[in-house]
C-alpha atoms as a PDB file:
ATOM      1  CA  MET A   1       5.162  -0.693 -16.735  1.00  0.00           C
ATOM      2  CA  ILE A   2       4.542  -3.947 -14.863  1.00  0.00           C
ATOM      3  CA  LEU A   3       6.495  -2.782 -11.825  1.00  0.00           C
ATOM      4  CA  LEU A   4       4.087   0.096 -11.216  1.00  0.00           C
ATOM      5  CA  HIS A   5       1.648  -2.446  -9.764  1.00  0.00           C
ATOM      6  CA  VAL A   6       3.932  -2.983  -6.770  1.00  0.00           C
ATOM      7  CA  LYS A   7       2.942  -1.288  -3.508  1.00  0.00           C
ATOM      8  CA  ARG A   8       4.155   2.269  -3.016  1.00  0.00           C
ATOM      9  CA  GLU A   9       6.459   1.190  -0.192  1.00  0.00           C
ATOM     10  CA  HIS A  10       8.525  -0.595  -2.836  1.00  0.00           C
ATOM     11  CA  PHE A  11       8.633   2.450  -5.115  1.00  0.00           C
ATOM     12  CA  ASP A  12      12.261   3.277  -4.288  1.00  0.00           C
ATOM     13  CA  GLN A  13      13.226  -0.273  -5.224  1.00  0.00           C
ATOM     14  CA  ILE A  14      11.245   0.037  -8.455  1.00  0.00           C
ATOM     15  CA  LEU A  15      13.077   3.221  -9.428  1.00  0.00           C
ATOM     16  CA  THR A  16      16.350   1.478  -8.698  1.00  0.00           C
ATOM     17  CA  ILE A  17      15.339  -1.363 -11.025  1.00  0.00           C
ATOM     18  CA  GLU A  18      14.466   1.096 -13.765  1.00  0.00           C
ATOM     19  CA  LEU A  19      17.752   2.981 -13.382  1.00  0.00           C
ATOM     20  CA  PHE A  20      20.195   0.103 -12.979  1.00  0.00           C
ATOM     21  CA  GLY A  21      18.385  -2.715 -14.772  1.00  0.00           C
ATOM     22  CA  ARG A  22      20.136  -6.089 -14.501  1.00  0.00           C
ATOM     23  CA  ASN A  23      22.418  -5.107 -11.628  1.00  0.00           C
ATOM     24  CA  ILE A  24      19.430  -4.773  -9.310  1.00  0.00           C
ATOM     25  CA  TYR A  25      17.930  -8.134 -10.298  1.00  0.00           C
ATOM     26  CA  ARG A  26      19.725  -9.828  -7.409  1.00  0.00           C
ATOM     27  CA  ASN A  27      18.378  -7.253  -4.931  1.00  0.00           C
ATOM     28  CA  VAL A  28      14.857  -7.790  -6.244  1.00  0.00           C
ATOM     29  CA  LYS A  29      15.263 -11.532  -5.827  1.00  0.00           C
ATOM     30  CA  VAL A  30      16.326 -11.085  -2.201  1.00  0.00           C
ATOM     31  CA  VAL A  31      13.636  -8.500  -1.465  1.00  0.00           C
ATOM     32  CA  ARG A  32      10.836 -10.620  -2.931  1.00  0.00           C
ATOM     33  CA  GLU A  33      11.900 -13.550  -0.744  1.00  0.00           C
ATOM     34  CA  ILE A  34      11.992 -11.371   2.388  1.00  0.00           C
ATOM     35  CA  ARG A  35       8.846  -9.317   1.718  1.00  0.00           C
ATOM     36  CA  HIS A  36       6.114 -11.174  -0.166  1.00  0.00           C
ATOM     37  CA  PRO A  37       5.502 -13.513  -3.142  1.00  0.00           C
ATOM     38  CA  LEU A  38       4.001 -10.741  -5.295  1.00  0.00           C
ATOM     39  CA  LEU A  39       7.489  -9.580  -6.195  1.00  0.00           C
ATOM     40  CA  ASN A  40       8.148 -13.082  -7.506  1.00  0.00           C
ATOM     41  CA  LEU A  41       5.906 -12.375 -10.496  1.00  0.00           C
ATOM     42  CA  LYS A  42       7.512  -8.984 -11.001  1.00  0.00           C
ATOM     43  CA  THR A  43      10.973 -10.534 -10.950  1.00  0.00           C
ATOM     44  CA  GLN A  44      10.004 -13.182 -13.492  1.00  0.00           C
ATOM     45  CA  ALA A  45       8.629 -10.417 -15.699  1.00  0.00           C
ATOM     46  CA  LEU A  46      12.006  -8.654 -15.525  1.00  0.00           C
ATOM     47  CA  ASN A  47      13.855 -11.845 -16.292  1.00  0.00           C
END
């Protein structure tokens, strides 16, 4: 899975993405803007 490349500190968020799918997309978008650009690639992969 692409998301497994994210740092461990984001692991809870990753599990949430896996469990809830689309509903968490917005949270990921917010988190990636707050934390770091790496999540931007992950988010695009989900989209």
